[in-house]
N, C-alpha and C. Protein backbone atom coordinates (compact mmCIF):
# COMPACT_ATOMS: atom_id res chain seq x y z
N MET A 1 95.10 190.52 353.29
CA MET A 1 93.82 191.14 353.02
C MET A 1 93.41 190.75 351.57
N THR A 2 92.29 190.18 351.49
CA THR A 2 91.71 189.68 350.13
C THR A 2 91.09 190.83 349.45
N LYS A 3 90.84 190.61 348.23
CA LYS A 3 90.22 191.70 347.38
C LYS A 3 88.83 191.99 347.87
N GLN A 4 88.15 191.07 348.27
CA GLN A 4 86.72 191.21 348.84
C GLN A 4 86.73 191.99 350.03
N GLU A 5 87.69 191.60 350.97
CA GLU A 5 87.80 192.46 352.24
C GLU A 5 88.05 193.85 352.08
N LEU A 6 88.99 194.15 351.01
CA LEU A 6 89.33 195.51 350.75
C LEU A 6 88.09 196.35 350.22
N LYS A 7 87.28 195.61 349.33
CA LYS A 7 86.03 196.21 348.84
C LYS A 7 85.05 196.52 349.95
N ASP A 8 84.85 195.55 350.80
CA ASP A 8 84.01 195.81 351.92
C ASP A 8 84.37 196.94 352.86
N LYS A 9 85.71 196.98 353.19
CA LYS A 9 86.33 198.07 354.00
C LYS A 9 86.03 199.45 353.32
N ILE A 10 86.28 199.64 352.01
CA ILE A 10 86.10 200.79 351.31
C ILE A 10 84.48 201.22 351.36
N LYS A 11 83.67 200.25 351.15
CA LYS A 11 82.27 200.51 351.21
C LYS A 11 81.81 201.06 352.54
N ALA A 12 82.42 200.53 353.60
CA ALA A 12 82.03 200.84 354.96
C ALA A 12 82.64 202.33 355.23
N ILE A 13 83.74 202.68 354.68
CA ILE A 13 84.31 203.98 354.85
C ILE A 13 83.48 204.92 354.24
N VAL A 14 83.07 204.68 352.92
CA VAL A 14 82.25 205.58 352.10
C VAL A 14 80.85 205.88 352.77
N LYS A 15 80.25 204.78 353.30
CA LYS A 15 79.05 204.93 353.89
C LYS A 15 79.12 205.84 355.14
N ALA A 16 80.13 205.62 355.89
CA ALA A 16 80.42 206.45 357.12
C ALA A 16 80.71 207.85 356.73
N LYS A 17 81.39 208.16 355.70
CA LYS A 17 81.66 209.49 355.22
C LYS A 17 80.37 210.32 354.81
N TYR A 18 79.57 209.50 354.01
CA TYR A 18 78.33 210.11 353.55
C TYR A 18 77.25 210.30 354.59
N ALA A 19 77.27 209.49 355.70
CA ALA A 19 76.41 209.64 356.67
C ALA A 19 76.72 210.88 357.43
N LYS A 20 78.02 211.19 357.55
CA LYS A 20 78.40 212.39 358.36
C LYS A 20 78.12 213.79 357.49
N SER A 21 77.99 213.65 356.21
CA SER A 21 77.97 214.83 355.50
C SER A 21 76.41 215.22 355.01
N LYS A 22 75.56 214.84 355.96
CA LYS A 22 74.16 215.20 355.65
C LYS A 22 74.04 216.77 355.79
N PRO A 23 73.09 217.33 354.99
CA PRO A 23 72.94 218.88 354.99
C PRO A 23 72.69 219.46 356.42
N ASP A 24 71.99 218.82 357.29
CA ASP A 24 71.75 219.35 358.58
C ASP A 24 72.97 219.20 359.66
N THR A 25 73.88 218.40 359.25
CA THR A 25 75.12 218.33 360.13
C THR A 25 76.28 219.10 359.58
N LEU A 26 76.22 219.55 358.28
CA LEU A 26 77.20 220.43 357.75
C LEU A 26 77.38 221.70 358.52
N ALA A 27 76.25 222.39 358.70
CA ALA A 27 76.26 223.72 359.27
C ALA A 27 75.29 223.75 360.40
N PRO A 28 75.50 223.18 361.56
CA PRO A 28 74.51 223.11 362.63
C PRO A 28 74.25 224.51 363.18
N SER A 29 75.04 225.54 363.00
CA SER A 29 74.82 226.73 363.50
C SER A 29 73.74 227.60 362.68
N MET A 30 73.62 227.18 361.44
CA MET A 30 72.60 227.83 360.48
C MET A 30 71.37 226.96 360.46
N PRO A 31 70.29 227.53 360.89
CA PRO A 31 69.02 226.78 360.85
C PRO A 31 68.55 226.64 359.44
N ILE A 32 68.01 225.59 359.09
CA ILE A 32 67.46 225.30 357.79
C ILE A 32 66.08 225.83 357.69
N ALA A 33 65.88 226.89 356.87
CA ALA A 33 64.56 227.53 356.72
C ALA A 33 63.64 226.65 355.94
N PRO A 34 62.44 226.57 356.29
CA PRO A 34 61.47 225.82 355.58
C PRO A 34 61.31 226.57 354.24
N ALA A 35 61.01 225.83 353.07
CA ALA A 35 60.80 226.36 351.87
C ALA A 35 59.48 227.13 351.94
N ILE A 36 59.50 228.34 351.54
CA ILE A 36 58.34 229.18 351.39
C ILE A 36 57.66 228.94 350.03
N GLU A 37 56.47 228.58 350.04
CA GLU A 37 55.71 228.39 348.79
C GLU A 37 54.96 229.56 348.43
N TYR A 38 54.96 230.16 347.29
CA TYR A 38 54.20 231.18 346.80
C TYR A 38 53.10 230.58 345.95
N ASP A 39 51.91 231.22 345.94
CA ASP A 39 50.81 230.68 345.08
C ASP A 39 51.16 230.53 343.58
N GLU A 40 51.93 231.57 343.13
CA GLU A 40 52.24 231.58 341.73
C GLU A 40 53.25 230.46 341.36
N LEU A 41 54.02 230.07 342.38
CA LEU A 41 55.00 229.04 342.00
C LEU A 41 54.34 227.72 342.05
N THR A 42 53.20 227.48 342.80
CA THR A 42 52.46 226.21 342.74
C THR A 42 51.65 226.19 341.47
N LYS A 43 51.15 227.27 341.06
CA LYS A 43 50.28 227.34 339.77
C LYS A 43 51.18 227.22 338.54
N PHE A 44 52.36 227.85 338.55
CA PHE A 44 53.25 227.84 337.40
C PHE A 44 54.61 227.28 337.85
N PRO A 45 54.78 225.88 337.65
CA PRO A 45 56.00 225.29 338.12
C PRO A 45 57.27 225.69 337.25
N GLU A 46 56.99 226.09 335.97
CA GLU A 46 58.10 226.61 335.13
C GLU A 46 58.70 227.82 335.80
N LEU A 47 57.90 228.66 336.42
CA LEU A 47 58.35 229.90 337.08
C LEU A 47 59.45 229.67 338.16
N LYS A 48 59.10 228.57 338.94
CA LYS A 48 59.92 228.27 340.03
C LYS A 48 61.38 227.80 339.43
N LYS A 49 61.29 227.12 338.34
CA LYS A 49 62.53 226.65 337.79
C LYS A 49 63.44 227.84 337.40
N ILE A 50 62.82 228.74 336.76
CA ILE A 50 63.49 230.04 336.26
C ILE A 50 64.00 230.85 337.46
N ILE A 51 63.24 230.97 338.48
CA ILE A 51 63.76 231.69 339.63
C ILE A 51 64.86 231.13 340.37
N ILE A 52 64.84 229.71 340.42
CA ILE A 52 65.97 229.01 340.87
C ILE A 52 67.21 229.11 340.03
N ASP A 53 67.01 229.05 338.80
CA ASP A 53 68.14 229.38 337.76
C ASP A 53 68.77 230.77 338.07
N LEU A 54 67.95 231.76 338.36
CA LEU A 54 68.45 233.13 338.49
C LEU A 54 68.96 233.46 339.87
N LEU A 55 68.22 232.80 340.97
CA LEU A 55 68.56 233.23 342.33
C LEU A 55 69.08 232.04 343.19
N THR A 56 69.20 230.88 342.77
CA THR A 56 69.57 229.59 343.43
C THR A 56 68.39 229.10 344.25
N THR A 57 68.63 228.09 344.92
CA THR A 57 67.47 227.55 345.78
C THR A 57 67.13 228.28 347.01
N ASP A 58 67.99 229.20 347.40
CA ASP A 58 67.76 230.12 348.52
C ASP A 58 67.01 231.44 348.13
N TYR A 59 66.15 231.32 347.17
CA TYR A 59 65.30 232.48 346.61
C TYR A 59 64.43 232.92 347.71
N ALA A 60 63.99 232.19 348.63
CA ALA A 60 62.96 232.59 349.65
C ALA A 60 63.64 233.65 350.61
N ARG A 61 64.84 233.68 350.70
CA ARG A 61 65.50 234.54 351.65
C ARG A 61 65.50 236.05 351.06
N PHE A 62 65.34 236.14 349.82
CA PHE A 62 65.41 237.44 349.13
C PHE A 62 64.03 237.99 348.60
N ILE A 63 63.07 237.01 348.29
CA ILE A 63 61.84 237.43 347.63
C ILE A 63 60.85 237.66 348.75
N ASP A 64 60.17 238.91 348.65
CA ASP A 64 59.01 239.29 349.49
C ASP A 64 57.72 238.64 348.98
N GLU A 65 57.40 238.89 347.74
CA GLU A 65 56.20 238.33 347.16
C GLU A 65 56.24 238.24 345.69
N ILE A 66 55.46 237.43 345.10
CA ILE A 66 55.39 237.32 343.58
C ILE A 66 54.04 237.70 343.11
N ASP A 67 53.93 238.71 342.24
CA ASP A 67 52.64 239.14 341.70
C ASP A 67 52.46 238.70 340.28
N TRP A 68 51.25 238.25 339.93
CA TRP A 68 50.92 237.83 338.60
C TRP A 68 50.32 239.10 337.91
N VAL A 69 51.06 239.75 337.08
CA VAL A 69 50.75 241.21 336.63
C VAL A 69 49.83 241.21 335.45
N ALA A 70 50.17 240.35 334.47
CA ALA A 70 49.44 240.30 333.27
C ALA A 70 49.23 238.94 332.70
N PRO A 71 48.03 238.67 332.09
CA PRO A 71 47.82 237.35 331.64
C PRO A 71 48.48 237.01 330.35
N ARG A 72 48.51 237.98 329.49
CA ARG A 72 49.10 237.83 328.12
C ARG A 72 49.89 239.04 327.70
N PRO A 73 51.20 238.91 327.43
CA PRO A 73 52.03 237.76 327.84
C PRO A 73 52.06 237.56 329.30
N THR A 74 52.13 236.41 329.67
CA THR A 74 52.20 236.07 331.14
C THR A 74 53.39 236.69 331.78
N THR A 75 53.08 237.66 332.67
CA THR A 75 54.08 238.55 333.35
C THR A 75 53.99 238.38 334.83
N PHE A 76 55.15 238.25 335.44
CA PHE A 76 55.21 238.12 336.88
C PHE A 76 56.20 239.30 337.39
N ARG A 77 55.80 239.83 338.46
CA ARG A 77 56.57 240.88 339.20
C ARG A 77 57.19 240.13 340.42
N ILE A 78 58.48 240.05 340.54
CA ILE A 78 59.21 239.49 341.61
C ILE A 78 59.62 240.63 342.47
N ASN A 79 59.06 240.69 343.67
CA ASN A 79 59.32 241.83 344.65
C ASN A 79 60.35 241.27 345.76
N PHE A 80 61.44 242.05 345.87
CA PHE A 80 62.42 241.70 346.82
C PHE A 80 62.16 242.33 348.19
N LEU A 81 62.77 241.85 349.21
CA LEU A 81 62.66 242.29 350.56
C LEU A 81 63.18 243.72 350.65
N ASN A 82 64.05 244.20 349.86
CA ASN A 82 64.59 245.52 349.99
C ASN A 82 63.79 246.54 349.17
N GLY A 83 62.68 246.14 348.63
CA GLY A 83 61.79 247.08 347.90
C GLY A 83 62.02 247.12 346.51
N GLN A 84 62.97 246.57 345.85
CA GLN A 84 63.23 246.51 344.41
C GLN A 84 62.46 245.35 343.90
N ASN A 85 62.27 245.35 342.53
CA ASN A 85 61.62 244.23 341.80
C ASN A 85 62.13 244.06 340.49
N PHE A 86 61.80 242.99 339.85
CA PHE A 86 62.07 242.77 338.31
C PHE A 86 60.89 241.94 337.82
N TYR A 87 60.86 241.82 336.50
CA TYR A 87 59.73 241.19 335.88
C TYR A 87 60.23 239.89 335.15
N LEU A 88 59.45 238.88 335.23
CA LEU A 88 59.68 237.64 334.39
C LEU A 88 58.51 237.53 333.47
N ILE A 89 58.72 237.58 332.07
CA ILE A 89 57.74 237.37 331.04
C ILE A 89 57.92 236.09 330.31
N TYR A 90 56.81 235.35 330.15
CA TYR A 90 56.77 234.18 329.50
C TYR A 90 56.65 234.52 327.93
N GLY A 91 57.73 234.28 327.21
CA GLY A 91 57.58 234.51 325.70
C GLY A 91 57.38 233.16 324.98
N LYS A 92 57.20 233.27 323.57
CA LYS A 92 57.00 232.08 322.78
C LYS A 92 58.15 231.09 322.91
N ARG A 93 59.27 231.58 322.83
CA ARG A 93 60.49 230.66 322.82
C ARG A 93 61.11 230.53 324.30
N SER A 94 61.11 231.41 325.07
CA SER A 94 61.68 231.39 326.34
C SER A 94 61.28 232.41 327.29
N TRP A 95 61.78 232.38 328.50
CA TRP A 95 61.38 233.42 329.43
C TRP A 95 62.26 234.65 329.22
N ILE A 96 61.75 235.78 329.56
CA ILE A 96 62.45 237.08 329.43
C ILE A 96 62.50 237.72 330.78
N ALA A 97 63.59 238.11 331.23
CA ALA A 97 63.77 238.84 332.55
C ALA A 97 63.94 240.25 332.21
N GLN A 98 63.18 241.14 332.84
CA GLN A 98 63.26 242.53 332.56
C GLN A 98 63.70 243.15 333.91
N VAL A 99 64.97 243.56 334.03
CA VAL A 99 65.64 244.06 335.15
C VAL A 99 66.03 245.52 334.92
N GLU A 100 65.39 246.39 335.68
CA GLU A 100 65.70 247.88 335.48
C GLU A 100 65.50 248.34 334.05
N GLY A 101 64.45 247.81 333.38
CA GLY A 101 64.17 248.33 332.12
C GLY A 101 64.83 247.52 330.93
N LYS A 102 65.90 246.76 331.24
CA LYS A 102 66.57 246.04 330.17
C LYS A 102 66.03 244.55 330.16
N LYS A 103 65.85 244.07 328.86
CA LYS A 103 65.33 242.74 328.78
C LYS A 103 66.44 241.82 328.53
N TYR A 104 66.40 240.68 329.14
CA TYR A 104 67.32 239.52 328.97
C TYR A 104 66.66 238.30 328.53
N TYR A 105 66.96 237.77 327.42
CA TYR A 105 66.34 236.49 326.96
C TYR A 105 67.08 235.27 327.51
N LEU A 106 66.29 234.59 328.36
CA LEU A 106 66.92 233.58 329.21
C LEU A 106 67.20 232.26 328.36
N LEU A 107 66.98 232.30 327.11
CA LEU A 107 67.22 231.18 326.34
C LEU A 107 68.76 230.97 326.13
N ASN A 108 69.47 232.16 326.07
CA ASN A 108 70.98 232.23 325.90
C ASN A 108 71.65 232.21 327.26
N LEU A 109 72.57 231.42 327.44
CA LEU A 109 73.22 231.28 328.70
C LEU A 109 73.93 232.60 329.14
N SER A 110 74.55 233.30 328.06
CA SER A 110 75.19 234.51 328.41
C SER A 110 74.22 235.57 328.92
N GLU A 111 73.06 235.72 328.34
CA GLU A 111 72.03 236.59 328.84
C GLU A 111 71.45 236.23 330.02
N GLU A 112 71.39 234.93 330.38
CA GLU A 112 70.92 234.47 331.70
C GLU A 112 71.95 235.03 332.71
N GLN A 113 73.15 234.76 332.46
CA GLN A 113 74.24 235.26 333.42
C GLN A 113 74.27 236.76 333.61
N ASN A 114 73.94 237.48 332.56
CA ASN A 114 73.82 238.89 332.66
C ASN A 114 72.65 239.29 333.44
N ALA A 115 71.49 238.55 333.21
CA ALA A 115 70.26 238.78 334.14
C ALA A 115 70.65 238.53 335.65
N ALA A 116 71.29 237.44 335.90
CA ALA A 116 71.62 237.14 337.24
C ALA A 116 72.52 238.23 337.89
N ASN A 117 73.45 238.74 337.04
CA ASN A 117 74.34 239.86 337.55
C ASN A 117 73.43 241.07 337.80
N ALA A 118 72.61 241.47 336.91
CA ALA A 118 71.69 242.60 337.15
C ALA A 118 70.83 242.47 338.37
N ILE A 119 70.32 241.28 338.63
CA ILE A 119 69.52 240.99 339.79
C ILE A 119 70.32 241.08 341.06
N ALA A 120 71.61 240.62 341.02
CA ALA A 120 72.57 240.73 342.12
C ALA A 120 72.74 242.22 342.40
N ARG A 121 72.89 243.04 341.37
CA ARG A 121 73.12 244.44 341.56
C ARG A 121 71.86 245.18 342.25
N ILE A 122 70.67 244.75 341.83
CA ILE A 122 69.50 245.44 342.49
C ILE A 122 69.27 244.85 343.95
N LEU A 123 69.86 243.65 344.20
CA LEU A 123 69.71 243.12 345.60
C LEU A 123 70.75 243.91 346.47
N ARG A 124 71.66 244.54 345.96
CA ARG A 124 72.66 245.14 346.75
C ARG A 124 72.16 246.61 347.20
N TYR A 125 71.06 247.04 346.62
CA TYR A 125 70.50 248.29 346.82
C TYR A 125 70.09 248.37 348.35
N GLY A 126 69.80 249.52 348.78
CA GLY A 126 69.42 249.74 350.21
C GLY A 126 68.13 248.98 350.68
N SER A 127 67.84 249.17 351.92
CA SER A 127 66.83 248.51 352.54
C SER A 127 65.44 249.02 352.03
N LYS A 128 64.43 248.36 352.49
CA LYS A 128 63.04 248.70 352.05
C LYS A 128 62.67 250.14 352.57
N GLU A 129 63.20 250.60 353.75
CA GLU A 129 62.90 252.00 354.20
C GLU A 129 63.61 252.92 353.40
N ALA A 130 64.81 252.63 352.89
CA ALA A 130 65.51 253.62 352.09
C ALA A 130 64.90 253.72 350.69
N ALA A 131 64.29 252.59 350.28
CA ALA A 131 63.59 252.63 348.96
C ALA A 131 62.29 253.41 348.99
N LYS A 132 61.67 253.47 350.19
CA LYS A 132 60.41 254.27 350.35
C LYS A 132 60.75 255.79 350.44
N GLY A 133 61.96 256.16 350.71
CA GLY A 133 62.30 257.61 350.78
C GLY A 133 62.42 258.09 352.19
N GLU A 134 62.49 257.26 353.20
CA GLU A 134 62.75 257.75 354.43
C GLU A 134 64.26 258.20 354.55
N GLU A 135 64.36 259.43 355.10
CA GLU A 135 65.72 259.95 355.26
C GLU A 135 66.32 259.59 356.54
N THR A 136 67.71 259.57 356.48
CA THR A 136 68.35 259.33 357.74
C THR A 136 68.77 260.66 358.28
N PRO A 137 68.78 260.79 359.64
CA PRO A 137 69.06 262.20 360.26
C PRO A 137 70.42 262.61 359.81
N THR A 138 70.55 263.88 359.42
CA THR A 138 71.79 264.50 359.01
C THR A 138 72.16 265.64 359.98
N GLU A 139 73.29 266.08 359.84
CA GLU A 139 73.67 267.15 360.72
C GLU A 139 72.99 268.50 360.18
N GLU A 140 72.61 269.34 361.01
CA GLU A 140 71.99 270.64 360.57
C GLU A 140 73.19 271.56 360.24
N THR A 141 73.01 272.30 359.20
CA THR A 141 73.88 273.34 358.90
C THR A 141 73.55 274.67 359.52
N PRO A 142 74.44 275.37 360.08
CA PRO A 142 74.03 276.73 360.75
C PRO A 142 73.44 277.56 359.76
N SER A 143 72.33 278.28 360.15
CA SER A 143 71.75 279.25 359.29
C SER A 143 72.63 280.53 359.00
N GLU A 144 73.39 280.91 360.04
CA GLU A 144 74.29 282.01 359.89
C GLU A 144 75.70 281.59 360.00
N THR A 145 76.52 282.07 359.10
CA THR A 145 77.91 281.78 359.23
C THR A 145 78.62 282.91 359.89
N PRO A 146 79.40 282.70 360.78
CA PRO A 146 80.03 283.79 361.47
C PRO A 146 81.02 284.48 360.55
N SER A 147 80.98 285.87 360.57
CA SER A 147 81.86 286.66 359.71
C SER A 147 83.07 286.93 360.50
N THR A 148 84.22 287.08 359.88
CA THR A 148 85.46 287.45 360.56
C THR A 148 85.78 288.88 360.19
N GLU A 149 86.00 289.78 361.11
CA GLU A 149 86.43 291.12 360.88
C GLU A 149 87.86 291.24 361.02
N GLU A 150 88.42 291.99 360.11
CA GLU A 150 89.88 292.16 360.12
C GLU A 150 90.02 293.37 360.94
N THR A 151 91.03 293.31 361.80
CA THR A 151 91.38 294.52 362.51
C THR A 151 92.57 295.13 362.03
N PRO A 152 92.45 296.50 361.75
CA PRO A 152 93.56 297.14 361.09
C PRO A 152 94.84 297.21 361.96
N THR A 153 95.88 296.95 361.38
CA THR A 153 97.14 297.00 362.22
C THR A 153 97.92 298.23 361.79
N ALA A 154 98.54 298.84 362.81
CA ALA A 154 99.25 300.15 362.48
C ALA A 154 100.67 300.04 362.33
């Protein structure tokens, strides 16, 4: 086998391997969801980049809607499917994520990681019905408790 034949054989193997590892053939049981575009993401492409940094490219599975809350400073409320939300604020130097009242300046990598952890924490909260205050049925406690009488022994 010559050097050129070996190169050609390796190229053919590599092409065959890459052809098999297309995203739609990796997990055929999982349907590929179409990307949901929100109006705010088309108007503000920088916002999409920040959301992808915080939530990965699967952000559409978790986000219910995006609201443009204030024009100055430009503030967006990101509403999740479970009823929770957080804010993204465009500052002079960088984006600021406000999660449960705490601000994370996304210019710093450590703060971006802390913001992602805080977002993951609020995503673990209950469903939308639980967030609205609907109660789950509980056992009724009896209104009267039976009293025990002691019988005197002789």
